[in-house]
Amino acid sequence: MEVSRPYFFGDIGCWAERTEVHKAAFQGHALLLRQLIESGASVNIVAVDSITPLHEACMQGQTQCTRLLLDAGAQVDARNVDGSTPLCDACAAGSLECVKLLLEHGAAANPTLTSRTTSPLHEACVGGNSDCVRLMVAEGAHLEAYDLYFGTPLHIACANAHVDCAKVLLNAGANVNAARLHETALHHAARRKSVDLIEMLLEFGGNVYARDKYDRKPIDYTRPGSPSALCLEFYERTPLSLQQLSRVSLRMALGTRALEVVSKLNIPSRIIKYLCYC
């Protein structure tokens, strides 16, 4: 068996090229990984890019290997060279089971962000993994966590045209008009020509007149006469009804507590469904 020659590196563990432990975790070879662990191999050994075996397992959604590593004492919030944690990798891979395991072992839902990192919630939105988004929201992931390149998770969901992820975020109370350099989620939806996203954002109170740093409205990113342009034109010409405005105002006032509070109101179920966008 090929064996790397690591050296100790502070409190993190050891430093080496990809080891057999990394390879077994990445490839999902649970039996081999168990044997390596039982023979004394370090589960916190890091490669030159600071990737641990736990990162490797989570990148590939290898649930069994993830469990073995965590049970053997793998550092649940270890950071790679870009600052990403295993939870970021599991969310990016869309591995709901790995995400659950990491959270059960104390993984931080909101790790500190740097100029090079995104949050686990951002990563779930990049991949369009709505189940992971839903779980992270339930775990208290910050809806307005800010990535320097894209902005909030809602920005990323819309930039990638992931309608289901956007709906989860909006229903959880994400700010529909949050801006990065004056650019809103609606600008992203218009660029992607996603009528479904455009309509949903507008129903949640998106500002059809918002202008970005280039002084462009969302409609300026559409082709005249296209379905997305016609949709935005309609909303520019037709103000929201009093009924819709009341729903938007209530939801914005309640913020992240909206679904919890609305479901307990002593009002007809049809109104509750309307307020919850059901």
C-alpha atoms as a PDB file:
ATOM      1  CA  MET A   1       0.000   0.000   0.000  1.00  0.00           C
ATOM      2  CA  GLU A   2       1.301   3.464  -0.908  1.00  0.00           C
ATOM      3  CA  VAL A   3       1.970   5.493   2.218  1.00  0.00           C
ATOM      4  CA  SER A   4       2.503   9.255   2.321  1.00  0.00           C
ATOM      5  CA  ARG A   5       5.010  10.727   4.745  1.00  0.00           C
ATOM      6  CA  PRO A   6       3.124  13.476   6.592  1.00  0.00           C
ATOM      7  CA  TYR A   7       4.436  15.832   9.191  1.00  0.00           C
ATOM      8  CA  PHE A   8       2.598  17.354  12.111  1.00  0.00           C
ATOM      9  CA  PHE A   9       0.923  20.693  11.445  1.00  0.00           C
ATOM     10  CA  GLY A  10      -0.239  22.527  14.566  1.00  0.00           C
ATOM     11  CA  ASP A  11      -3.650  21.615  15.988  1.00  0.00           C
ATOM     12  CA  ILE A  12      -5.094  20.642  12.620  1.00  0.00           C
ATOM     13  CA  GLY A  13      -3.384  17.299  12.244  1.00  0.00           C
ATOM     14  CA  CYS A  14      -0.853  16.254   9.623  1.00  0.00           C
ATOM     15  CA  TRP A  15       0.145  17.664   6.255  1.00  0.00           C
ATOM     16  CA  ALA A  16       0.591  15.457   3.211  1.00  0.00           C
ATOM     17  CA  GLU A  17      -0.366  14.818  -0.367  1.00  0.00           C
ATOM     18  CA  ARG A  18      -3.600  12.884  -0.854  1.00  0.00           C
ATOM     19  CA  THR A  19      -3.360   9.840   1.402  1.00  0.00           C
ATOM     20  CA  GLU A  20      -5.046   6.460   1.340  1.00  0.00           C
ATOM     21  CA  VAL A  21      -7.530   7.825   3.849  1.00  0.00           C
ATOM     22  CA  HIS A  22      -8.414  10.670   1.474  1.00  0.00           C
ATOM     23  CA  LYS A  23      -8.787   8.271  -1.433  1.00  0.00           C
ATOM     24  CA  ALA A  24     -10.955   5.806   0.474  1.00  0.00           C
ATOM     25  CA  ALA A  25     -13.231   8.607   1.709  1.00  0.00           C
ATOM     26  CA  PHE A  26     -13.541  10.140  -1.761  1.00  0.00           C
ATOM     27  CA  GLN A  27     -14.292   6.831  -3.465  1.00  0.00           C
ATOM     28  CA  GLY A  28     -16.697   5.607  -0.796  1.00  0.00           C
ATOM     29  CA  HIS A  29     -14.639   2.561   0.177  1.00  0.00           C
ATOM     30  CA  ALA A  30     -16.074   2.282   3.677  1.00  0.00           C
ATOM     31  CA  LEU A  31     -14.509  -1.073   4.532  1.00  0.00           C
ATOM     32  CA  LEU A  32     -11.034   0.102   3.571  1.00  0.00           C
ATOM     33  CA  LEU A  33     -11.544   3.355   5.430  1.00  0.00           C
ATOM     34  CA  ARG A  34     -12.581   1.478   8.554  1.00  0.00           C
ATOM     35  CA  GLN A  35      -9.447  -0.693   8.297  1.00  0.00           C
ATOM     36  CA  LEU A  36      -7.223   2.365   7.894  1.00  0.00           C
ATOM     37  CA  ILE A  37      -8.806   4.031  10.912  1.00  0.00           C
ATOM     38  CA  GLU A  38      -8.464   0.895  13.031  1.00  0.00           C
ATOM     39  CA  SER A  39      -4.809   0.644  12.026  1.00  0.00           C
ATOM     40  CA  GLY A  40      -4.193   4.102  13.444  1.00  0.00           C
ATOM     41  CA  ALA A  41      -4.443   6.349  10.382  1.00  0.00           C
ATOM     42  CA  SER A  42      -5.277   9.958  11.223  1.00  0.00           C
ATOM     43  CA  VAL A  43      -8.760  11.088  10.177  1.00  0.00           C
ATOM     44  CA  ASN A  44      -7.633  14.713  10.390  1.00  0.00           C
ATOM     45  CA  ILE A  45      -4.672  14.486   8.045  1.00  0.00           C
ATOM     46  CA  VAL A  46      -4.764  17.389   5.596  1.00  0.00           C
ATOM     47  CA  ALA A  47      -3.576  17.590   2.011  1.00  0.00           C
ATOM     48  CA  VAL A  48      -1.610  20.511   0.600  1.00  0.00           C
ATOM     49  CA  ASP A  49      -4.856  22.360  -0.133  1.00  0.00           C
ATOM     50  CA  SER A  50      -5.982  21.772   3.472  1.00  0.00           C
ATOM     51  CA  ILE A  51      -8.619  19.265   2.371  1.00  0.00           C
ATOM     52  CA  THR A  52      -9.346  16.614   4.974  1.00  0.00           C
ATOM     53  CA  PRO A  53     -10.775  13.152   4.351  1.00  0.00           C
ATOM     54  CA  LEU A  54     -14.087  14.497   5.671  1.00  0.00           C
ATOM     55  CA  HIS A  55     -14.109  17.140   2.935  1.00  0.00           C
ATOM     56  CA  GLU A  56     -13.473  14.389   0.387  1.00  0.00           C
ATOM     57  CA  ALA A  57     -16.326  12.216   1.644  1.00  0.00           C
ATOM     58  CA  CYS A  58     -18.773  15.116   1.718  1.00  0.00           C
ATOM     59  CA  MET A  59     -17.833  16.320  -1.774  1.00  0.00           C
ATOM     60  CA  GLN A  60     -18.981  12.970  -3.120  1.00  0.00           C
ATOM     61  CA  GLY A  61     -21.907  12.452  -0.776  1.00  0.00           C
ATOM     62  CA  GLN A  62     -20.312   9.346   0.733  1.00  0.00           C
ATOM     63  CA  THR A  63     -22.598   8.937   3.740  1.00  0.00           C
ATOM     64  CA  GLN A  64     -21.006   5.808   5.218  1.00  0.00           C
ATOM     65  CA  CYS A  65     -17.514   7.255   5.029  1.00  0.00           C
ATOM     66  CA  THR A  66     -18.712  10.540   6.477  1.00  0.00           C
ATOM     67  CA  ARG A  67     -20.198   8.697   9.454  1.00  0.00           C
ATOM     68  CA  LEU A  68     -17.020   6.651   9.983  1.00  0.00           C
ATOM     69  CA  LEU A  69     -14.828   9.752   9.941  1.00  0.00           C
ATOM     70  CA  LEU A  70     -17.059  11.709  12.305  1.00  0.00           C
ATOM     71  CA  ASP A  71     -17.325   8.795  14.737  1.00  0.00           C
ATOM     72  CA  ALA A  72     -13.517   8.528  14.657  1.00  0.00           C
ATOM     73  CA  GLY A  73     -13.121  12.186  15.659  1.00  0.00           C
ATOM     74  CA  ALA A  74     -12.846  14.052  12.369  1.00  0.00           C
ATOM     75  CA  GLN A  75     -12.965  17.813  12.867  1.00  0.00           C
ATOM     76  CA  VAL A  76     -16.446  18.707  11.694  1.00  0.00           C
ATOM     77  CA  ASP A  77     -15.679  22.351  10.846  1.00  0.00           C
ATOM     78  CA  ALA A  78     -12.216  21.903   9.319  1.00  0.00           C
ATOM     79  CA  ARG A  79     -11.452  24.507   6.654  1.00  0.00           C
ATOM     80  CA  ASN A  80      -9.814  23.895   3.296  1.00  0.00           C
ATOM     81  CA  VAL A  81      -7.558  26.442   1.596  1.00  0.00           C
ATOM     82  CA  ASP A  82     -10.619  28.385   0.386  1.00  0.00           C
ATOM     83  CA  GLY A  83     -12.172  28.391   3.837  1.00  0.00           C
ATOM     84  CA  SER A  84     -14.930  25.915   2.984  1.00  0.00           C
ATOM     85  CA  THR A  85     -16.106  23.437   5.613  1.00  0.00           C
ATOM     86  CA  PRO A  86     -17.310  19.875   4.983  1.00  0.00           C
ATOM     87  CA  LEU A  87     -20.860  21.177   5.410  1.00  0.00           C
ATOM     88  CA  CYS A  88     -20.296  23.536   2.475  1.00  0.00           C
ATOM     89  CA  ASP A  89     -19.173  20.562   0.387  1.00  0.00           C
ATOM     90  CA  ALA A  90     -22.117  18.384   1.434  1.00  0.00           C
ATOM     91  CA  CYS A  91     -24.577  21.169   0.578  1.00  0.00           C
ATOM     92  CA  ALA A  92     -22.880  21.733  -2.783  1.00  0.00           C
ATOM     93  CA  ALA A  93     -23.127  18.012  -3.529  1.00  0.00           C
ATOM     94  CA  GLY A  94     -26.785  17.941  -2.506  1.00  0.00           C
ATOM     95  CA  SER A  95     -26.153  15.111  -0.049  1.00  0.00           C
ATOM     96  CA  LEU A  96     -28.959  15.545   2.455  1.00  0.00           C
ATOM     97  CA  GLU A  97     -27.792  12.592   4.553  1.00  0.00           C
ATOM     98  CA  CYS A  98     -24.250  13.966   4.845  1.00  0.00           C
ATOM     99  CA  VAL A  99     -25.658  17.366   5.767  1.00  0.00           C
ATOM    100  CA  LYS A 100     -27.764  15.777   8.516  1.00  0.00           C
ATOM    101  CA  LEU A 101     -24.793  13.819   9.869  1.00  0.00           C
ATOM    102  CA  LEU A 102     -22.585  16.906  10.002  1.00  0.00           C
ATOM    103  CA  LEU A 103     -25.246  18.965  11.767  1.00  0.00           C
ATOM    104  CA  GLU A 104     -25.846  16.150  14.267  1.00  0.00           C
ATOM    105  CA  HIS A 105     -22.113  16.270  15.051  1.00  0.00           C
ATOM    106  CA  GLY A 106     -22.202  20.011  15.689  1.00  0.00           C
ATOM    107  CA  ALA A 107     -21.267  21.516  12.323  1.00  0.00           C
ATOM    108  CA  ALA A 108     -21.708  25.289  12.240  1.00  0.00           C
ATOM    109  CA  ALA A 109     -24.665  26.281  10.060  1.00  0.00           C
ATOM    110  CA  ASN A 110     -23.159  29.772   9.796  1.00  0.00           C
ATOM    111  CA  PRO A 111     -19.359  29.512   9.621  1.00  0.00           C
ATOM    112  CA  THR A 112     -17.515  32.812   9.496  1.00  0.00           C
ATOM    113  CA  LEU A 113     -17.278  34.028   5.903  1.00  0.00           C
ATOM    114  CA  THR A 114     -14.136  35.401   4.292  1.00  0.00           C
ATOM    115  CA  SER A 115     -13.500  37.043   0.942  1.00  0.00           C
ATOM    116  CA  ARG A 116     -13.080  33.572  -0.572  1.00  0.00           C
ATOM    117  CA  THR A 117     -15.868  31.637   1.102  1.00  0.00           C
ATOM    118  CA  THR A 118     -19.592  31.205   0.764  1.00  0.00           C
ATOM    119  CA  SER A 119     -21.924  29.782   3.371  1.00  0.00           C
ATOM    120  CA  PRO A 120     -23.352  26.261   3.277  1.00  0.00           C
ATOM    121  CA  LEU A 121     -26.700  27.825   2.361  1.00  0.00           C
ATOM    122  CA  HIS A 122     -25.098  29.607  -0.596  1.00  0.00           C
ATOM    123  CA  GLU A 123     -23.572  26.324  -1.742  1.00  0.00           C
ATOM    124  CA  ALA A 124     -26.919  24.534  -1.561  1.00  0.00           C
ATOM    125  CA  CYS A 125     -28.445  27.276  -3.699  1.00  0.00           C
ATOM    126  CA  VAL A 126     -25.659  27.099  -6.280  1.00  0.00           C
ATOM    127  CA  GLY A 127     -26.430  23.422  -6.828  1.00  0.00           C
ATOM    128  CA  GLY A 128     -30.206  23.858  -6.746  1.00  0.00           C
ATOM    129  CA  ASN A 129     -30.456  21.495  -3.799  1.00  0.00           C
ATOM    130  CA  SER A 130     -33.775  22.644  -2.356  1.00  0.00           C
ATOM    131  CA  ASP A 131     -33.952  19.889   0.292  1.00  0.00           C
ATOM    132  CA  CYS A 132     -30.595  21.013   1.649  1.00  0.00           C
ATOM    133  CA  VAL A 133     -31.743  24.624   1.495  1.00  0.00           C
ATOM    134  CA  ARG A 134     -34.856  23.717   3.487  1.00  0.00           C
ATOM    135  CA  LEU A 135     -32.805  21.861   6.107  1.00  0.00           C
ATOM    136  CA  MET A 136     -30.254  24.663   6.445  1.00  0.00           C
ATOM    137  CA  VAL A 137     -33.026  27.230   6.853  1.00  0.00           C
ATOM    138  CA  ALA A 138     -34.583  25.069   9.578  1.00  0.00           C
ATOM    139  CA  GLU A 139     -31.162  24.972  11.280  1.00  0.00           C
ATOM    140  CA  GLY A 140     -31.042  28.766  11.396  1.00  0.00           C
ATOM    141  CA  ALA A 141     -28.819  29.485   8.409  1.00  0.00           C
ATOM    142  CA  HIS A 142     -28.582  33.226   7.833  1.00  0.00           C
ATOM    143  CA  LEU A 143     -30.854  34.159   4.939  1.00  0.00           C
ATOM    144  CA  GLU A 144     -28.956  37.393   4.337  1.00  0.00           C
ATOM    145  CA  ALA A 145     -25.430  35.948   4.568  1.00  0.00           C
ATOM    146  CA  TYR A 146     -23.426  37.973   2.070  1.00  0.00           C
ATOM    147  CA  ASP A 147     -21.084  36.576  -0.544  1.00  0.00           C
ATOM    148  CA  LEU A 148     -18.802  39.211  -2.121  1.00  0.00           C
ATOM    149  CA  TYR A 149     -19.298  37.875  -5.643  1.00  0.00           C
ATOM    150  CA  PHE A 150     -23.034  37.189  -5.737  1.00  0.00           C
ATOM    151  CA  GLY A 151     -24.663  38.622  -2.629  1.00  0.00           C
ATOM    152  CA  THR A 152     -27.279  36.685  -0.678  1.00  0.00           C
ATOM    153  CA  PRO A 153     -28.392  33.063  -1.116  1.00  0.00           C
ATOM    154  CA  LEU A 154     -31.465  34.391  -2.931  1.00  0.00           C
ATOM    155  CA  HIS A 155     -29.203  36.156  -5.428  1.00  0.00           C
ATOM    156  CA  ILE A 156     -27.362  32.912  -6.104  1.00  0.00           C
ATOM    157  CA  ALA A 157     -30.558  30.863  -6.415  1.00  0.00           C
ATOM    158  CA  CYS A 158     -31.920  33.315  -8.986  1.00  0.00           C
ATOM    159  CA  ALA A 159     -28.623  33.688 -10.841  1.00  0.00           C
ATOM    160  CA  ASN A 160     -28.758  29.918 -11.373  1.00  0.00           C
ATOM    161  CA  ALA A 161     -32.504  29.882 -12.106  1.00  0.00           C
ATOM    162  CA  HIS A 162     -33.294  27.530  -9.234  1.00  0.00           C
ATOM    163  CA  VAL A 163     -36.968  28.311  -8.678  1.00  0.00           C
ATOM    164  CA  ASP A 164     -37.535  25.780  -5.873  1.00  0.00           C
ATOM    165  CA  CYS A 165     -34.604  27.115  -3.844  1.00  0.00           C
ATOM    166  CA  ALA A 166     -35.770  30.687  -4.303  1.00  0.00           C
ATOM    167  CA  LYS A 167     -39.257  29.779  -3.118  1.00  0.00           C
ATOM    168  CA  VAL A 168     -37.914  28.129   0.040  1.00  0.00           C
ATOM    169  CA  LEU A 169     -35.850  31.225   0.818  1.00  0.00           C
ATOM    170  CA  LEU A 170     -38.671  33.660   0.122  1.00  0.00           C
ATOM    171  CA  ASN A 171     -41.154  31.688   2.195  1.00  0.00           C
ATOM    172  CA  ALA A 172     -38.627  31.639   5.030  1.00  0.00           C
ATOM    173  CA  GLY A 173     -38.478  35.434   4.975  1.00  0.00           C
ATOM    174  CA  ALA A 174     -35.515  36.264   2.743  1.00  0.00           C
ATOM    175  CA  ASN A 175     -35.408  39.921   1.706  1.00  0.00           C
ATOM    176  CA  VAL A 176     -36.662  39.910  -1.888  1.00  0.00           C
ATOM    177  CA  ASN A 177     -35.127  43.339  -2.560  1.00  0.00           C
ATOM    178  CA  ALA A 178     -31.708  42.761  -0.989  1.00  0.00           C
ATOM    179  CA  ALA A 179     -29.122  44.321  -3.274  1.00  0.00           C
ATOM    180  CA  ARG A 180     -25.498  43.803  -4.192  1.00  0.00           C
ATOM    181  CA  LEU A 181     -24.170  46.925  -5.916  1.00  0.00           C
ATOM    182  CA  HIS A 182     -27.864  47.831  -6.376  1.00  0.00           C
ATOM    183  CA  GLU A 183     -28.456  44.541  -8.199  1.00  0.00           C
ATOM    184  CA  THR A 184     -31.445  42.549  -6.957  1.00  0.00           C
ATOM    185  CA  ALA A 185     -32.564  38.946  -7.365  1.00  0.00           C
ATOM    186  CA  LEU A 186     -35.042  40.224  -9.949  1.00  0.00           C
ATOM    187  CA  HIS A 187     -32.180  41.449 -12.140  1.00  0.00           C
ATOM    188  CA  HIS A 188     -30.725  37.925 -12.053  1.00  0.00           C
ATOM    189  CA  ALA A 189     -34.087  36.344 -12.863  1.00  0.00           C
ATOM    190  CA  ALA A 190     -34.504  38.704 -15.823  1.00  0.00           C
ATOM    191  CA  ARG A 191     -31.058  37.809 -17.139  1.00  0.00           C
ATOM    192  CA  ARG A 192     -31.970  34.132 -16.934  1.00  0.00           C
ATOM    193  CA  LYS A 193     -35.253  34.845 -18.761  1.00  0.00           C
ATOM    194  CA  SER A 194     -37.104  32.820 -16.128  1.00  0.00           C
ATOM    195  CA  VAL A 195     -40.728  33.898 -16.156  1.00  0.00           C
ATOM    196  CA  ASP A 196     -41.515  31.609 -13.210  1.00  0.00           C
ATOM    197  CA  LEU A 197     -38.822  33.266 -11.100  1.00  0.00           C
ATOM    198  CA  ILE A 198     -39.807  36.754 -12.198  1.00  0.00           C
ATOM    199  CA  GLU A 199     -43.450  36.218 -11.312  1.00  0.00           C
ATOM    200  CA  MET A 200     -42.606  34.663  -7.951  1.00  0.00           C
ATOM    201  CA  LEU A 201     -40.230  37.476  -6.968  1.00  0.00           C
ATOM    202  CA  LEU A 202     -42.789  40.088  -7.935  1.00  0.00           C
ATOM    203  CA  GLU A 203     -45.531  38.307  -5.994  1.00  0.00           C
ATOM    204  CA  PHE A 204     -43.247  38.432  -2.945  1.00  0.00           C
ATOM    205  CA  GLY A 205     -42.819  42.187  -3.389  1.00  0.00           C
ATOM    206  CA  GLY A 206     -39.850  42.443  -5.742  1.00  0.00           C
ATOM    207  CA  ASN A 207     -39.259  45.991  -6.991  1.00  0.00           C
ATOM    208  CA  VAL A 208     -39.789  45.983 -10.747  1.00  0.00           C
ATOM    209  CA  TYR A 209     -38.323  49.495 -10.940  1.00  0.00           C
ATOM    210  CA  ALA A 210     -35.070  48.756  -9.069  1.00  0.00           C
ATOM    211  CA  ARG A 211     -31.983  50.003 -10.912  1.00  0.00           C
ATOM    212  CA  ASP A 212     -28.548  48.412 -10.691  1.00  0.00           C
ATOM    213  CA  LYS A 213     -25.145  50.107 -10.816  1.00  0.00           C
ATOM    214  CA  TYR A 214     -25.579  50.512 -14.587  1.00  0.00           C
ATOM    215  CA  ASP A 215     -28.909  52.280 -14.010  1.00  0.00           C
ATOM    216  CA  ARG A 216     -30.740  49.358 -15.602  1.00  0.00           C
ATOM    217  CA  LYS A 217     -34.070  47.941 -14.497  1.00  0.00           C
ATOM    218  CA  PRO A 218     -34.724  44.177 -14.674  1.00  0.00           C
ATOM    219  CA  ILE A 219     -36.631  44.626 -17.931  1.00  0.00           C
ATOM    220  CA  ASP A 220     -33.516  46.107 -19.525  1.00  0.00           C
ATOM    221  CA  TYR A 221     -31.955  42.634 -19.372  1.00  0.00           C
ATOM    222  CA  THR A 222     -34.699  41.042 -21.457  1.00  0.00           C
ATOM    223  CA  ARG A 223     -35.350  40.894 -25.179  1.00  0.00           C
ATOM    224  CA  PRO A 224     -38.284  43.097 -26.281  1.00  0.00           C
ATOM    225  CA  GLY A 225     -41.369  41.004 -26.898  1.00  0.00           C
ATOM    226  CA  SER A 226     -39.987  37.935 -25.076  1.00  0.00           C
ATOM    227  CA  PRO A 227     -42.115  36.219 -22.388  1.00  0.00           C
ATOM    228  CA  SER A 228     -39.929  37.621 -19.615  1.00  0.00           C
ATOM    229  CA  ALA A 229     -40.120  41.148 -21.056  1.00  0.00           C
ATOM    230  CA  LEU A 230     -43.903  40.942 -21.430  1.00  0.00           C
ATOM    231  CA  CYS A 231     -44.192  39.719 -17.843  1.00  0.00           C
ATOM    232  CA  LEU A 232     -42.143  42.643 -16.507  1.00  0.00           C
ATOM    233  CA  GLU A 233     -44.018  45.102 -18.724  1.00  0.00           C
ATOM    234  CA  PHE A 234     -47.301  43.889 -17.272  1.00  0.00           C
ATOM    235  CA  TYR A 235     -46.102  44.413 -13.698  1.00  0.00           C
ATOM    236  CA  GLU A 236     -44.711  47.855 -14.572  1.00  0.00           C
ATOM    237  CA  ARG A 237     -48.087  48.891 -15.994  1.00  0.00           C
ATOM    238  CA  THR A 238     -50.243  47.118 -13.418  1.00  0.00           C
ATOM    239  CA  PRO A 239     -49.738  47.975  -9.731  1.00  0.00           C
ATOM    240  CA  LEU A 240     -50.225  45.197  -7.197  1.00  0.00           C
ATOM    241  CA  SER A 241     -53.797  44.911  -5.931  1.00  0.00           C
ATOM    242  CA  LEU A 242     -54.643  46.019  -2.389  1.00  0.00           C
ATOM    243  CA  GLN A 243     -54.960  42.329  -1.520  1.00  0.00           C
ATOM    244  CA  GLN A 244     -51.454  41.584  -2.778  1.00  0.00           C
ATOM    245  CA  LEU A 245     -49.997  44.681  -1.146  1.00  0.00           C
ATOM    246  CA  SER A 246     -51.516  43.645   2.189  1.00  0.00           C
ATOM    247  CA  ARG A 247     -49.950  40.179   1.888  1.00  0.00           C
ATOM    248  CA  VAL A 248     -46.531  41.599   1.012  1.00  0.00           C
ATOM    249  CA  SER A 249     -46.683  44.165   3.829  1.00  0.00           C
ATOM    250  CA  LEU A 250     -47.653  41.555   6.397  1.00  0.00           C
ATOM    251  CA  ARG A 251     -44.959  39.135   5.272  1.00  0.00           C
ATOM    252  CA  MET A 252     -42.281  41.830   5.264  1.00  0.00           C
ATOM    253  CA  ALA A 253     -43.326  43.022   8.728  1.00  0.00           C
ATOM    254  CA  LEU A 254     -43.117  39.493  10.134  1.00  0.00           C
ATOM    255  CA  GLY A 255     -39.879  38.635   8.318  1.00  0.00           C
ATOM    256  CA  THR A 256     -38.499  35.210   9.175  1.00  0.00           C
ATOM    257  CA  ARG A 257     -41.356  34.627  11.642  1.00  0.00           C
ATOM    258  CA  ALA A 258     -44.028  34.888   8.945  1.00  0.00           C
ATOM    259  CA  LEU A 259     -44.871  31.218   8.401  1.00  0.00           C
ATOM    260  CA  GLU A 260     -44.888  30.437  12.120  1.00  0.00           C
ATOM    261  CA  VAL A 261     -47.082  33.411  13.034  1.00  0.00           C
ATOM    262  CA  VAL A 262     -49.489  33.242  10.098  1.00  0.00           C
ATOM    263  CA  SER A 263     -50.214  29.540  10.649  1.00  0.00           C
ATOM    264  CA  LYS A 264     -51.443  30.353  14.180  1.00  0.00           C
ATOM    265  CA  LEU A 265     -53.793  33.186  13.223  1.00  0.00           C
ATOM    266  CA  ASN A 266     -57.479  32.669  13.946  1.00  0.00           C
ATOM    267  CA  ILE A 267     -58.544  33.285  10.360  1.00  0.00           C
ATOM    268  CA  PRO A 268     -60.003  31.096   7.576  1.00  0.00           C
ATOM    269  CA  SER A 269     -57.609  28.495   6.179  1.00  0.00           C
ATOM    270  CA  ARG A 270     -57.935  29.934   2.661  1.00  0.00           C
ATOM    271  CA  ILE A 271     -56.529  33.251   3.876  1.00  0.00           C
ATOM    272  CA  ILE A 272     -53.720  31.461   5.695  1.00  0.00           C
ATOM    273  CA  LYS A 273     -52.846  29.598   2.477  1.00  0.00           C
ATOM    274  CA  TYR A 274     -52.864  32.878   0.579  1.00  0.00           C
ATOM    275  CA  LEU A 275     -50.584  34.568   3.092  1.00  0.00           C
ATOM    276  CA  CYS A 276     -48.240  31.566   3.004  1.00  0.00           C
ATOM    277  CA  TYR A 277     -48.148  31.508  -0.811  1.00  0.00           C
ATOM    278  CA  CYS A 278     -49.576  27.970  -0.794  1.00  0.00           C
END
